[in-house]
Protein backbone atom coordinates (compact mmCIF):
# COMPACT_ATOMS: atom_id res chain seq x y z
CA MET A 1 109.92 27.45 16.31
CA SER A 2 113.00 25.33 17.03
CA GLN A 3 113.96 23.81 20.34
CA LYS A 4 117.15 25.92 20.38
CA TYR A 5 115.03 29.07 20.18
CA PHE A 6 113.05 28.07 23.28
CA GLN A 7 116.28 27.19 25.12
CA ARG A 8 117.75 30.63 24.38
CA LEU A 9 114.48 32.25 25.48
CA TRP A 10 114.53 30.26 28.70
CA TYR A 11 118.11 31.30 29.50
CA CYS A 12 117.24 34.95 28.86
CA LEU A 13 114.26 34.79 31.21
CA LEU A 14 116.37 33.01 33.87
CA TYR A 15 119.07 35.71 33.61
CA LEU A 16 116.49 38.49 34.00
CA LEU A 17 114.93 36.73 37.00
CA MET A 18 118.32 36.38 38.68
CA ALA A 19 119.07 40.05 37.99
CA LEU A 20 115.81 41.10 39.63
CA VAL A 21 116.55 39.00 42.72
CA VAL A 22 120.22 39.87 43.13
CA GLN A 23 120.14 43.59 42.33
CA PRO A 24 118.16 44.68 45.41
CA VAL A 25 120.58 42.76 47.65
CA HIS A 26 123.51 44.73 46.26
CA ALA A 27 121.55 47.97 46.61
CA ALA A 28 120.84 47.23 50.27
CA ASN A 29 124.52 46.54 51.04
CA PRO A 30 126.60 49.40 49.69
CA THR A 31 130.31 49.60 50.31
CA THR A 32 130.96 50.33 53.99
CA ALA A 33 131.85 53.98 54.49
CA GLN A 34 135.30 54.68 55.93
CA PRO A 35 135.30 56.36 59.37
CA SER A 36 136.16 60.05 59.43
CA TYR A 37 138.65 61.72 61.75
CA PRO A 38 139.01 65.30 63.00
CA LYS A 39 142.10 67.40 62.28
CA GLU A 40 142.37 68.19 66.00
CA PHE A 41 141.35 66.15 69.02
CA ARG A 42 141.18 68.15 72.27
CA ILE A 43 141.23 66.26 75.57
CA GLY A 44 140.44 67.73 78.99
CA TYR A 45 142.14 66.14 82.01
CA GLN A 46 142.74 66.60 85.71
CA LYS A 47 145.83 65.71 87.70
CA GLY A 48 146.10 62.27 89.23
CA ASN A 49 144.30 60.01 86.76
CA SER A 50 145.23 57.72 83.89
CA LEU A 51 144.70 60.41 81.25
CA VAL A 52 147.80 62.11 82.65
CA ILE A 53 149.78 58.89 82.17
CA LEU A 54 148.50 58.53 78.61
CA LYS A 55 149.43 62.14 77.89
CA ALA A 56 152.97 61.63 79.17
CA SER A 57 153.45 58.42 77.19
CA GLY A 58 152.71 60.00 73.81
CA GLU A 59 151.10 56.71 72.71
CA LEU A 60 147.81 58.27 71.68
CA GLU A 61 149.60 60.73 69.40
CA LYS A 62 151.43 57.83 67.73
CA THR A 63 148.22 55.86 67.32
CA LEU A 64 146.27 58.74 65.76
CA ALA A 65 149.07 60.19 63.60
CA PRO A 66 148.34 57.87 60.62
CA PHE A 67 144.81 59.33 60.52
CA GLY A 68 146.10 62.91 60.41
CA VAL A 69 144.83 63.74 63.91
CA ILE A 70 146.69 66.23 66.12
CA VAL A 71 146.07 65.66 69.85
CA LYS A 72 145.90 68.64 72.21
CA TRP A 73 145.64 68.46 76.01
CA TYR A 74 143.97 70.94 78.38
CA GLU A 75 144.21 70.74 82.17
CA PHE A 76 141.21 71.53 84.38
CA PRO A 77 141.21 72.02 88.19
CA PHE A 78 137.90 70.14 88.69
CA GLY A 79 134.77 68.85 86.96
CA PRO A 80 132.35 71.79 86.42
CA PRO A 81 134.65 73.85 84.14
CA MET A 82 135.29 70.73 82.10
CA ILE A 83 131.54 70.16 81.73
CA GLU A 84 131.17 73.71 80.44
CA ALA A 85 134.02 73.22 77.97
CA ILE A 86 132.38 70.03 76.69
CA ASN A 87 129.02 71.76 76.36
CA THR A 88 130.48 74.66 74.37
CA GLY A 89 132.56 72.37 72.16
CA ASN A 90 135.90 73.73 73.39
CA ILE A 91 137.15 70.23 74.19
CA ASP A 92 136.20 66.89 72.66
CA LEU A 93 136.64 64.43 75.53
CA GLY A 94 136.81 64.64 79.31
CA TYR A 95 136.53 62.49 82.42
CA VAL A 96 134.32 63.34 85.40
CA GLY A 97 132.57 61.67 88.33
CA SER A 98 128.98 60.49 88.35
CA THR A 99 127.27 63.72 89.39
CA PRO A 100 128.53 66.44 86.97
CA PRO A 101 126.78 64.89 83.93
CA VAL A 102 123.53 64.66 85.92
CA LEU A 103 123.77 68.32 86.89
CA ALA A 104 124.60 69.18 83.27
CA GLN A 105 121.61 67.32 81.85
CA ALA A 106 119.26 68.89 84.38
CA GLY A 107 120.72 72.35 83.87
CA GLY A 108 122.12 74.31 80.97
CA ALA A 109 124.54 71.90 79.29
CA PRO A 110 122.48 70.08 76.62
CA GLU A 111 125.46 69.04 74.47
CA VAL A 112 127.07 66.72 77.04
CA ARG A 113 127.00 63.00 76.14
CA TYR A 114 128.19 59.83 77.89
CA VAL A 115 130.59 57.76 75.75
CA GLY A 116 132.44 55.51 78.23
CA TYR A 117 132.94 54.70 81.91
CA THR A 118 135.38 53.47 84.53
CA ALA A 119 134.94 50.72 87.09
CA ALA A 120 132.79 51.55 90.13
CA TYR A 121 134.19 53.15 93.27
CA LYS A 122 135.14 50.69 95.99
CA ASP A 123 136.95 51.36 99.27
CA ASN A 124 138.56 54.41 97.64
CA TYR A 125 135.61 56.68 98.60
CA ALA A 126 134.41 56.83 102.20
CA VAL A 127 132.80 58.65 105.10
CA VAL A 128 135.56 59.06 107.69
CA VAL A 129 135.77 60.17 111.30
CA PRO A 130 138.77 61.20 113.44
CA LYS A 131 140.93 58.44 114.93
CA GLU A 132 139.75 59.00 118.50
CA SER A 133 136.09 59.55 117.61
CA GLY A 134 133.48 57.47 119.36
CA VAL A 135 131.45 57.34 116.15
CA HIS A 136 131.15 53.87 114.56
CA SER A 137 128.14 54.29 112.28
CA LEU A 138 126.10 57.00 110.59
CA LYS A 139 123.48 56.69 113.32
CA ASP A 140 126.11 57.95 115.75
CA LEU A 141 126.36 61.11 113.62
CA GLU A 142 122.71 62.14 114.07
CA GLY A 143 122.51 65.90 114.55
CA LYS A 144 126.21 66.35 113.74
CA LYS A 145 128.01 68.12 110.87
CA ILE A 146 129.41 66.11 107.95
CA ALA A 147 131.67 67.81 105.43
CA VAL A 148 130.92 67.05 101.78
CA ALA A 149 131.49 68.80 98.46
CA LYS A 150 128.12 69.97 97.13
CA GLY A 151 127.10 68.26 93.90
CA ALA A 152 130.00 65.79 94.09
CA ALA A 153 129.92 62.01 93.95
CA GLY A 154 130.41 62.11 97.72
CA GLN A 155 127.03 63.77 98.18
CA TYR A 156 125.31 60.88 96.43
CA LEU A 157 127.36 58.43 98.53
CA LEU A 158 126.26 60.16 101.73
CA LEU A 159 122.58 60.23 100.72
CA LYS A 160 122.59 56.50 99.92
CA ALA A 161 124.43 55.74 103.16
CA LEU A 162 121.75 57.61 105.09
CA GLU A 163 119.00 55.70 103.30
CA ARG A 164 120.71 52.41 104.12
CA GLU A 165 120.51 53.32 107.82
CA GLY A 166 116.87 54.39 107.55
CA MET A 167 117.88 58.01 108.05
CA THR A 168 117.04 61.18 106.11
CA PRO A 169 119.12 64.26 105.22
CA ASP A 170 117.36 66.08 108.05
CA ASP A 171 119.01 63.74 110.57
CA ILE A 172 122.45 65.29 109.99
CA ILE A 173 123.86 68.71 109.15
CA PHE A 174 125.41 69.01 105.69
CA SER A 175 128.50 71.18 105.79
CA TYR A 176 129.18 72.03 102.14
CA LEU A 177 132.92 72.56 101.82
CA GLN A 178 135.48 72.08 99.08
CA TYR A 179 138.24 69.57 99.73
CA SER A 180 140.87 72.05 100.93
CA GLU A 181 138.39 73.59 103.37
CA SER A 182 137.12 70.20 104.50
CA ARG A 183 140.49 68.98 105.73
CA SER A 184 141.02 72.04 107.90
CA ALA A 185 137.51 71.76 109.33
CA PHE A 186 138.00 68.02 109.93
CA GLU A 187 141.31 68.45 111.75
CA ARG A 188 139.97 71.33 113.87
CA GLY A 189 136.95 69.29 114.89
CA ASP A 190 134.50 71.71 113.25
CA VAL A 191 132.86 68.73 111.54
CA ALA A 192 132.31 65.26 112.96
CA ALA A 193 132.89 63.42 109.67
CA TRP A 194 134.05 63.95 106.11
CA VAL A 195 133.08 62.31 102.80
CA VAL A 196 136.33 61.98 100.85
CA PRO A 197 137.89 60.01 97.95
CA ASP A 198 141.44 58.84 97.29
CA PRO A 199 144.16 60.07 97.31
CA ARG A 200 142.96 62.47 100.03
CA LEU A 201 141.34 59.54 101.83
CA ALA A 202 144.60 57.59 101.89
CA ASP A 203 146.45 60.72 102.99
CA ILE A 204 144.34 61.37 106.08
CA GLU A 205 144.31 57.67 106.94
CA GLU A 206 148.11 57.60 106.91
CA SER A 207 148.84 61.04 108.34
CA ILE A 208 146.22 61.50 111.07
CA GLY A 209 144.64 58.05 111.42
CA ALA A 210 141.21 58.97 110.03
CA ARG A 211 138.87 55.99 110.18
CA PRO A 212 136.29 55.00 107.51
CA ILE A 213 132.83 54.09 108.81
CA VAL A 214 131.18 53.65 105.39
CA THR A 215 132.79 53.03 101.99
CA ALA A 216 131.39 52.99 98.46
CA THR A 217 131.76 49.19 98.40
CA GLN A 218 128.80 48.91 100.79
CA LEU A 219 126.51 51.11 98.68
CA PRO A 220 124.92 51.07 95.19
CA PRO A 221 127.62 51.18 92.49
CA GLN A 222 128.75 54.59 91.30
CA TYR A 223 130.90 55.10 88.20
CA GLY A 224 133.12 57.72 86.63
CA PHE A 225 132.37 58.75 83.04
CA PHE A 226 133.99 59.87 79.83
CA ILE A 227 131.94 62.60 78.20
CA ALA A 228 132.02 64.31 74.82
CA PRO A 229 130.03 66.97 72.94
CA HIS A 230 127.05 65.57 71.07
CA LYS A 231 128.19 66.77 67.63
CA PHE A 232 131.73 65.48 68.04
CA ALA A 233 130.68 62.05 69.35
CA ALA A 234 128.20 61.62 66.50
CA ALA A 235 130.72 62.70 63.84
CA TYR A 236 133.89 61.00 65.10
CA PRO A 237 133.08 57.87 67.14
CA SER A 238 136.21 56.14 65.83
CA VAL A 239 138.64 58.56 67.45
CA LEU A 240 136.80 58.24 70.78
CA ARG A 241 136.82 54.45 70.53
CA ILE A 242 140.55 54.36 69.74
CA THR A 243 141.30 56.69 72.65
CA LEU A 244 139.34 54.70 75.22
CA GLU A 245 140.92 51.46 74.02
CA ARG A 246 144.39 52.99 74.30
CA LEU A 247 143.54 54.38 77.74
CA ASN A 248 142.41 50.94 78.92
CA VAL A 249 145.79 49.53 77.86
CA THR A 250 147.45 52.36 79.80
CA GLU A 251 145.44 51.47 82.92
CA GLN A 252 146.28 47.78 82.70
CA THR A 253 149.97 48.63 82.38
CA ALA A 254 149.74 50.99 85.35
CA LYS A 255 147.96 48.31 87.38
CA ASN A 256 150.80 45.87 86.73
CA HIS A 257 153.51 48.41 87.64
CA LEU A 258 152.20 50.11 90.79
CA GLU A 259 155.61 51.29 92.03
CA GLU A 260 156.38 53.10 88.78
CA THR A 261 152.84 54.48 88.55
CA ALA A 262 152.95 55.80 92.11
CA LEU A 263 156.31 57.47 91.46
CA PHE A 264 154.99 59.12 88.30
CA LEU A 265 151.86 60.40 90.09
CA GLU A 266 153.99 61.71 92.96
CA LYS A 267 155.87 63.89 90.48
CA ASP A 268 152.64 64.98 88.79
CA THR A 269 150.70 65.87 91.95
CA HIS A 270 153.33 66.25 94.72
CA VAL A 271 151.35 63.74 96.76
CA PRO A 272 153.83 61.30 98.36
CA LYS A 273 154.46 57.97 96.68
CA LYS A 274 153.31 55.94 99.71
CA ILE A 275 149.91 57.68 99.57
CA TRP A 276 149.56 56.84 95.89
CA LEU A 277 150.56 53.22 96.54
CA LYS A 278 147.76 52.91 99.12
CA SER A 279 145.30 54.54 96.72
CA LEU A 280 146.32 52.49 93.70
CA SER A 281 146.17 49.22 95.64
CA ARG A 282 142.40 49.60 96.08
CA GLN A 283 141.54 51.37 92.84
CA ALA A 284 139.07 49.70 90.47
CA TRP A 285 140.81 49.51 87.09
CA GLY A 286 139.46 49.42 83.55
CA ILE A 287 137.92 51.64 80.87
CA HIS A 288 134.73 50.40 79.24
CA PHE A 289 132.29 51.25 76.45
CA PRO A 290 129.53 51.31 75.42
CA LEU A 291 127.55 51.94 78.61
CA SER A 292 125.84 48.73 79.73
CA LYS A 293 122.25 48.65 80.96
CA ASN A 294 123.46 48.14 84.55
CA VAL A 295 125.70 51.21 84.34
CA ILE A 296 122.90 53.33 82.84
CA ASP A 297 120.53 52.11 85.56
CA SER A 298 123.07 52.98 88.27
CA GLN A 299 123.56 56.45 86.82
CA GLN A 300 119.79 56.85 86.61
CA ASP A 301 119.64 56.20 90.35
CA VAL A 302 122.11 59.05 90.86
CA ALA A 303 119.81 61.32 88.85
CA ASP A 304 116.67 60.10 90.63
CA THR A 305 118.27 60.54 94.04
CA PHE A 306 119.35 64.09 93.28
CA TYR A 307 115.85 64.91 92.03
CA LYS A 308 114.25 63.26 95.07
CA TYR A 309 116.22 65.52 97.40
CA HIS A 310 115.66 68.64 95.26
CA LEU A 311 119.30 68.93 94.16
CA ILE A 312 118.31 69.23 90.49
CA PRO A 313 115.31 71.18 89.15
CA LYS A 314 113.76 68.43 87.07
CA ALA A 315 113.67 64.68 86.54
CA ILE A 316 115.94 63.45 83.72
CA GLN A 317 116.46 60.31 81.65
CA VAL A 318 120.14 59.35 81.50
CA LYS A 319 119.70 57.01 78.54
CA ARG A 320 118.71 59.94 76.33
CA ILE A 321 122.24 61.35 76.33
CA VAL A 322 124.21 58.10 75.91
CA ILE A 323 126.08 57.56 72.63
CA PRO A 324 127.15 53.93 72.11
CA LEU A 325 130.63 53.56 70.59
CA ASN A 326 130.00 50.14 69.05
């Protein structure tokens, strides 16, 4: 056989060998699938936070319009109804404090998932006493009534503050009151202290001289969370990611224009501008995702603390209901 024959045979074998090597690589790297988007995107919000500013701006609608997404907004008076709406799939995104998702996971809301978070509370959440009170620490409150909303972030704050002082829940009297009831009880002297966040905290500081004795800055970090139904978060991570990114831009703009932000929130909530300015000046800004290990660990401490003091019926693992929006 000629030399040319063997050369042709060699080239054929080399081609086949290359085909065998290259083909599996192509098979393992198919064309990246395009993200999918829902026809409707339903957002739950409460008065007084950056979601309200985003809603008013119309920027999210503009951003999502090219993807054929219609944004709808639903107002909620407080966290628990929003949790229920997330669990039943009636809304697709909401913002709550640290404790509602813990209560949901331990109770009857298995569809709730963490998808993002805000910066930790600082001096904008505190245990306060009346201006003329002789109380200067939690130890001075032994045997006295402290107003706190049951199941709220303030309850966790109070429990950790007690632990820091070497005290137990039995050393004080928990007076479980909603915020409107708490203020009346505080001003009448029916309770010796009150666990309260901004803007109510700023309001009672300015109006009646209430004095913080412990703030969230001095305690383990506690975050607010964006939550979504499991099915929605798994199917449409792109729309959640876009929304949280847009909301972070909204917060940074608000941070850099406090006067305008305070005026807008005054109109939205009827809380005076000067109260909002005090609140906004000490607010921790920024929207983040996915949840970092430190944030998950901090939220796990909320869950463990609530279980330790028999506030939830079972121990839970926070990381099991986190969906990373990478």
